[in-house]
C-alpha atoms as a PDB file:
ATOM      1  CA  UNK A   1     -30.777  47.459 -49.334  1.00  0.00           C
ATOM      2  CA  UNK A   2     -30.661  44.061 -50.611  1.00  0.00           C
ATOM      3  CA  UNK A   3     -32.143  41.391 -48.312  1.00  0.00           C
ATOM      4  CA  UNK A   4     -30.951  37.872 -48.261  1.00  0.00           C
ATOM      5  CA  UNK A   5     -32.352  34.588 -47.116  1.00  0.00           C
ATOM      6  CA  UNK A   6     -29.857  32.159 -45.611  1.00  0.00           C
ATOM      7  CA  UNK A   7     -30.701  28.583 -44.611  1.00  0.00           C
ATOM      8  CA  UNK A   8     -28.067  26.489 -42.855  1.00  0.00           C
ATOM      9  CA  UNK A   9     -28.353  22.902 -41.784  1.00  0.00           C
ATOM     10  CA  UNK A  10     -26.114  19.947 -40.370  1.00  0.00           C
ATOM     11  CA  UNK A  11     -25.413  18.089 -37.075  1.00  0.00           C
ATOM     12  CA  UNK A  12     -26.486  20.083 -34.333  1.00  0.00           C
ATOM     13  CA  UNK A  13     -23.790  21.208 -31.736  1.00  0.00           C
ATOM     14  CA  UNK A  14     -22.698  24.348 -29.805  1.00  0.00           C
ATOM     15  CA  UNK A  15     -21.453  27.290 -31.668  1.00  0.00           C
ATOM     16  CA  UNK A  16     -23.548  27.068 -34.933  1.00  0.00           C
ATOM     17  CA  UNK A  17     -25.263  30.373 -34.326  1.00  0.00           C
ATOM     18  CA  UNK A  18     -22.168  32.103 -33.058  1.00  0.00           C
ATOM     19  CA  UNK A  19     -20.225  31.001 -36.324  1.00  0.00           C
ATOM     20  CA  UNK A  20     -22.974  32.206 -38.586  1.00  0.00           C
ATOM     21  CA  UNK A  21     -23.661  35.642 -37.063  1.00  0.00           C
ATOM     22  CA  UNK A  22     -19.959  36.190 -36.749  1.00  0.00           C
ATOM     23  CA  UNK A  23     -19.792  36.104 -40.590  1.00  0.00           C
ATOM     24  CA  UNK A  24     -22.809  38.436 -40.789  1.00  0.00           C
ATOM     25  CA  UNK A  25     -21.237  40.875 -38.367  1.00  0.00           C
ATOM     26  CA  UNK A  26     -17.675  40.710 -39.811  1.00  0.00           C
ATOM     27  CA  UNK A  27     -19.187  41.566 -43.250  1.00  0.00           C
ATOM     28  CA  UNK A  28     -21.686  44.337 -42.218  1.00  0.00           C
ATOM     29  CA  UNK A  29     -24.706  42.327 -42.526  1.00  0.00           C
ATOM     30  CA  UNK A  30     -27.777  43.139 -40.249  1.00  0.00           C
ATOM     31  CA  UNK A  31     -29.745  40.202 -39.220  1.00  0.00           C
ATOM     32  CA  UNK A  32     -33.292  41.177 -39.459  1.00  0.00           C
ATOM     33  CA  UNK A  33     -35.204  37.671 -38.711  1.00  0.00           C
ATOM     34  CA  UNK A  34     -34.276  34.186 -37.595  1.00  0.00           C
ATOM     35  CA  UNK A  35     -35.950  30.946 -37.217  1.00  0.00           C
ATOM     36  CA  UNK A  36     -33.918  28.320 -35.925  1.00  0.00           C
ATOM     37  CA  UNK A  37     -34.586  24.587 -34.435  1.00  0.00           C
ATOM     38  CA  UNK A  38     -33.119  21.232 -33.764  1.00  0.00           C
ATOM     39  CA  UNK A  39     -34.849  18.369 -34.946  1.00  0.00           C
ATOM     40  CA  UNK A  40     -33.438  15.126 -33.917  1.00  0.00           C
ATOM     41  CA  UNK A  41     -30.103  16.214 -33.398  1.00  0.00           C
ATOM     42  CA  UNK A  42     -30.258  18.113 -36.851  1.00  0.00           C
ATOM     43  CA  UNK A  43     -29.707  21.996 -36.744  1.00  0.00           C
ATOM     44  CA  UNK A  44     -31.941  23.932 -39.284  1.00  0.00           C
ATOM     45  CA  UNK A  45     -31.536  27.780 -39.136  1.00  0.00           C
ATOM     46  CA  UNK A  46     -33.211  30.460 -41.592  1.00  0.00           C
ATOM     47  CA  UNK A  47     -31.833  33.961 -41.204  1.00  0.00           C
ATOM     48  CA  UNK A  48     -32.995  37.015 -43.395  1.00  0.00           C
ATOM     49  CA  UNK A  49     -30.059  39.481 -43.392  1.00  0.00           C
ATOM     50  CA  UNK A  50     -29.671  43.082 -45.121  1.00  0.00           C
ATOM     51  CA  UNK A  51     -26.467  43.360 -47.053  1.00  0.00           C
ATOM     52  CA  UNK A  52     -24.202  46.250 -47.034  1.00  0.00           C
ATOM     53  CA  UNK A  53     -23.863  47.920 -50.407  1.00  0.00           C
ATOM     54  CA  UNK A  54     -20.642  46.421 -50.948  1.00  0.00           C
ATOM     55  CA  UNK A  55     -21.477  42.921 -50.554  1.00  0.00           C
ATOM     56  CA  UNK A  56     -23.378  40.714 -52.984  1.00  0.00           C
ATOM     57  CA  UNK A  57     -25.154  37.464 -52.268  1.00  0.00           C
ATOM     58  CA  UNK A  58     -22.426  35.497 -54.133  1.00  0.00           C
ATOM     59  CA  UNK A  59     -19.863  36.961 -52.028  1.00  0.00           C
ATOM     60  CA  UNK A  60     -21.745  36.340 -48.886  1.00  0.00           C
ATOM     61  CA  UNK A  61     -22.672  32.657 -49.639  1.00  0.00           C
ATOM     62  CA  UNK A  62     -18.869  32.060 -50.266  1.00  0.00           C
ATOM     63  CA  UNK A  63     -17.985  33.566 -46.801  1.00  0.00           C
ATOM     64  CA  UNK A  64     -20.401  31.399 -45.123  1.00  0.00           C
ATOM     65  CA  UNK A  65     -19.353  28.238 -46.968  1.00  0.00           C
ATOM     66  CA  UNK A  66     -15.706  28.817 -45.943  1.00  0.00           C
ATOM     67  CA  UNK A  67     -16.569  29.320 -42.319  1.00  0.00           C
ATOM     68  CA  UNK A  68     -19.149  26.601 -42.177  1.00  0.00           C
ATOM     69  CA  UNK A  69     -18.182  23.670 -44.715  1.00  0.00           C
ATOM     70  CA  UNK A  70     -15.436  22.579 -42.291  1.00  0.00           C
ATOM     71  CA  UNK A  71     -18.007  22.189 -39.514  1.00  0.00           C
ATOM     72  CA  UNK A  72     -20.119  19.964 -42.024  1.00  0.00           C
ATOM     73  CA  UNK A  73     -23.018  22.473 -42.237  1.00  0.00           C
ATOM     74  CA  UNK A  74     -24.783  23.278 -45.622  1.00  0.00           C
ATOM     75  CA  UNK A  75     -25.501  26.557 -46.707  1.00  0.00           C
ATOM     76  CA  UNK A  76     -28.470  27.798 -48.905  1.00  0.00           C
ATOM     77  CA  UNK A  77     -29.009  31.427 -50.243  1.00  0.00           C
ATOM     78  CA  UNK A  78     -31.631  33.434 -51.903  1.00  0.00           C
ATOM     79  CA  UNK A  79     -32.484  36.834 -52.546  1.00  0.00           C
ATOM     80  CA  UNK A  80     -35.611  37.976 -50.495  1.00  0.00           C
ATOM     81  CA  UNK A  81     -38.205  38.961 -52.934  1.00  0.00           C
ATOM     82  CA  UNK A  82     -40.633  41.545 -51.924  1.00  0.00           C
ATOM     83  CA  UNK A  83     -44.250  40.450 -52.323  1.00  0.00           C
ATOM     84  CA  UNK A  84     -46.647  43.414 -53.262  1.00  0.00           C
ATOM     85  CA  UNK A  85     -49.624  41.942 -52.167  1.00  0.00           C
ATOM     86  CA  UNK A  86     -48.150  40.125 -48.765  1.00  0.00           C
ATOM     87  CA  UNK A  87     -49.618  42.823 -46.537  1.00  0.00           C
ATOM     88  CA  UNK A  88     -52.907  43.332 -48.572  1.00  0.00           C
ATOM     89  CA  UNK A  89     -54.366  40.138 -47.450  1.00  0.00           C
ATOM     90  CA  UNK A  90     -56.747  40.943 -44.287  1.00  0.00           C
ATOM     91  CA  UNK A  91     -56.352  38.120 -42.011  1.00  0.00           C
ATOM     92  CA  UNK A  92     -56.404  36.791 -38.195  1.00  0.00           C
ATOM     93  CA  UNK A  93     -54.024  34.901 -36.423  1.00  0.00           C
ATOM     94  CA  UNK A  94     -55.163  31.284 -35.068  1.00  0.00           C
ATOM     95  CA  UNK A  95     -53.488  28.334 -33.199  1.00  0.00           C
ATOM     96  CA  UNK A  96     -54.676  24.873 -34.177  1.00  0.00           C
ATOM     97  CA  UNK A  97     -53.385  22.059 -32.182  1.00  0.00           C
ATOM     98  CA  UNK A  98     -54.125  18.516 -33.148  1.00  0.00           C
ATOM     99  CA  UNK A  99     -53.290  15.302 -30.746  1.00  0.00           C
ATOM    100  CA  UNK A 100     -53.428  11.792 -31.935  1.00  0.00           C
ATOM    101  CA  UNK A 101     -51.784   8.669 -32.969  1.00  0.00           C
ATOM    102  CA  UNK A 102     -48.928   9.175 -35.635  1.00  0.00           C
ATOM    103  CA  UNK A 103     -49.499   7.877 -38.881  1.00  0.00           C
ATOM    104  CA  UNK A 104     -48.147   8.650 -42.497  1.00  0.00           C
ATOM    105  CA  UNK A 105     -49.989  11.499 -44.028  1.00  0.00           C
ATOM    106  CA  UNK A 106     -51.431  12.988 -41.050  1.00  0.00           C
ATOM    107  CA  UNK A 107     -49.930  16.692 -41.469  1.00  0.00           C
ATOM    108  CA  UNK A 108     -50.915  16.337 -45.137  1.00  0.00           C
ATOM    109  CA  UNK A 109     -54.319  15.685 -44.663  1.00  0.00           C
ATOM    110  CA  UNK A 110     -54.871  18.574 -42.011  1.00  0.00           C
ATOM    111  CA  UNK A 111     -52.618  20.848 -43.976  1.00  0.00           C
ATOM    112  CA  UNK A 112     -54.671  20.333 -47.434  1.00  0.00           C
ATOM    113  CA  UNK A 113     -57.886  21.266 -45.550  1.00  0.00           C
ATOM    114  CA  UNK A 114     -56.149  24.453 -44.748  1.00  0.00           C
ATOM    115  CA  UNK A 115     -54.870  25.151 -48.345  1.00  0.00           C
ATOM    116  CA  UNK A 116     -58.621  24.696 -49.691  1.00  0.00           C
ATOM    117  CA  UNK A 117     -59.588  27.520 -47.390  1.00  0.00           C
ATOM    118  CA  UNK A 118     -56.445  29.744 -48.460  1.00  0.00           C
ATOM    119  CA  UNK A 119     -55.152  29.472 -44.959  1.00  0.00           C
ATOM    120  CA  UNK A 120     -51.483  30.080 -44.667  1.00  0.00           C
ATOM    121  CA  UNK A 121     -49.315  28.117 -42.225  1.00  0.00           C
ATOM    122  CA  UNK A 122     -46.948  30.487 -40.603  1.00  0.00           C
ATOM    123  CA  UNK A 123     -45.235  28.262 -38.125  1.00  0.00           C
ATOM    124  CA  UNK A 124     -45.698  24.340 -37.783  1.00  0.00           C
ATOM    125  CA  UNK A 125     -44.314  22.317 -34.753  1.00  0.00           C
ATOM    126  CA  UNK A 126     -44.557  18.455 -34.573  1.00  0.00           C
ATOM    127  CA  UNK A 127     -44.131  16.818 -31.108  1.00  0.00           C
ATOM    128  CA  UNK A 128     -43.739  12.993 -31.078  1.00  0.00           C
ATOM    129  CA  UNK A 129     -44.429  11.174 -27.880  1.00  0.00           C
ATOM    130  CA  UNK A 130     -44.286  13.385 -25.162  1.00  0.00           C
ATOM    131  CA  UNK A 131     -44.572  12.433 -21.291  1.00  0.00           C
ATOM    132  CA  UNK A 132     -48.073  14.017 -21.317  1.00  0.00           C
ATOM    133  CA  UNK A 133     -48.804  11.932 -24.360  1.00  0.00           C
ATOM    134  CA  UNK A 134     -46.521   8.898 -24.519  1.00  0.00           C
ATOM    135  CA  UNK A 135     -48.347   7.318 -27.307  1.00  0.00           C
ATOM    136  CA  UNK A 136     -49.476  10.106 -29.337  1.00  0.00           C
ATOM    137  CA  UNK A 137     -48.293  13.023 -31.521  1.00  0.00           C
ATOM    138  CA  UNK A 138     -49.044  16.895 -31.020  1.00  0.00           C
ATOM    139  CA  UNK A 139     -48.993  19.197 -33.965  1.00  0.00           C
ATOM    140  CA  UNK A 140     -49.195  22.913 -33.350  1.00  0.00           C
ATOM    141  CA  UNK A 141     -50.101  25.154 -36.292  1.00  0.00           C
ATOM    142  CA  UNK A 142     -49.687  28.799 -36.258  1.00  0.00           C
ATOM    143  CA  UNK A 143     -52.159  29.726 -39.128  1.00  0.00           C
ATOM    144  CA  UNK A 144     -53.017  33.008 -40.973  1.00  0.00           C
ATOM    145  CA  UNK A 145     -56.841  32.901 -41.778  1.00  0.00           C
ATOM    146  CA  UNK A 146     -58.124  35.432 -44.370  1.00  0.00           C
ATOM    147  CA  UNK A 147     -60.941  37.349 -42.951  1.00  0.00           C
ATOM    148  CA  UNK A 148     -63.110  36.637 -45.988  1.00  0.00           C
ATOM    149  CA  UNK A 149     -63.195  32.769 -44.840  1.00  0.00           C
ATOM    150  CA  UNK A 150     -66.344  31.856 -42.969  1.00  0.00           C
ATOM    151  CA  UNK A 151     -64.490  30.657 -39.654  1.00  0.00           C
ATOM    152  CA  UNK A 152     -67.556  28.256 -38.926  1.00  0.00           C
ATOM    153  CA  UNK A 153     -67.115  26.289 -42.517  1.00  0.00           C
ATOM    154  CA  UNK A 154     -63.495  26.023 -41.995  1.00  0.00           C
ATOM    155  CA  UNK A 155     -63.732  24.627 -38.539  1.00  0.00           C
ATOM    156  CA  UNK A 156     -66.209  22.344 -39.540  1.00  0.00           C
ATOM    157  CA  UNK A 157     -64.050  20.898 -42.022  1.00  0.00           C
ATOM    158  CA  UNK A 158     -61.282  20.693 -39.972  1.00  0.00           C
ATOM    159  CA  UNK A 159     -63.192  18.909 -37.275  1.00  0.00           C
ATOM    160  CA  UNK A 160     -64.503  16.521 -40.000  1.00  0.00           C
ATOM    161  CA  UNK A 161     -61.133  15.694 -41.212  1.00  0.00           C
ATOM    162  CA  UNK A 162     -59.988  15.202 -37.589  1.00  0.00           C
ATOM    163  CA  UNK A 163     -62.568  12.978 -37.108  1.00  0.00           C
ATOM    164  CA  UNK A 164     -61.822  10.684 -39.840  1.00  0.00           C
ATOM    165  CA  UNK A 165     -58.065  10.673 -38.652  1.00  0.00           C
ATOM    166  CA  UNK A 166     -59.124  10.045 -35.059  1.00  0.00           C
ATOM    167  CA  UNK A 167     -57.498  13.316 -33.851  1.00  0.00           C
ATOM    168  CA  UNK A 168     -58.561  15.744 -31.020  1.00  0.00           C
ATOM    169  CA  UNK A 169     -58.216  19.278 -32.589  1.00  0.00           C
ATOM    170  CA  UNK A 170     -58.667  22.622 -31.141  1.00  0.00           C
ATOM    171  CA  UNK A 171     -58.911  26.116 -32.881  1.00  0.00           C
ATOM    172  CA  UNK A 172     -58.327  29.246 -30.951  1.00  0.00           C
ATOM    173  CA  UNK A 173     -57.569  32.885 -31.914  1.00  0.00           C
ATOM    174  CA  UNK A 174     -53.996  33.470 -31.040  1.00  0.00           C
ATOM    175  CA  UNK A 175     -54.632  36.039 -28.618  1.00  0.00           C
ATOM    176  CA  UNK A 176     -56.818  33.438 -26.684  1.00  0.00           C
ATOM    177  CA  UNK A 177     -54.367  30.916 -26.979  1.00  0.00           C
ATOM    178  CA  UNK A 178     -51.528  32.924 -25.652  1.00  0.00           C
ATOM    179  CA  UNK A 179     -53.611  34.389 -22.870  1.00  0.00           C
ATOM    180  CA  UNK A 180     -54.724  30.909 -21.828  1.00  0.00           C
ATOM    181  CA  UNK A 181     -51.205  29.786 -22.053  1.00  0.00           C
ATOM    182  CA  UNK A 182     -50.014  32.415 -19.412  1.00  0.00           C
ATOM    183  CA  UNK A 183     -52.349  31.162 -16.836  1.00  0.00           C
END
């Protein structure tokens, strides 16, 4: 069964997910994965759907655009490509949180340290000026660290970069982070 990635974005309002998922349901597409968020009033959603045998990606994109363009939403589609070695990387999940003053290049500097160690960012959330941190930003990186990476070397490199950027940074195994978040 062919799988397709569908990205939809535009001004947020009620009913967007209803319209998108209705097009999928009406055409026999099964939603297998979703990530959706709203950033400063802009909706952005990514869906992975499996297509029925009688529907191709071109037709699905046309059906989505027919429904969503009148709502001033943009649609992009692409075939989901299977990665042969995606599951072969032995990795552990960690959560990295940085807190500090906003500045140009902040995410680039931290994410490039991760890249040098082969760390994959699976999810990223940037929060600007919250009641708890009115003059700071918080960035939460959910990452996959390959087991062959020396955690102490990676942590040292991240902490060194955070010190240069005047950031507070924490690195926790995902299970520990989730356990502490429950308390």
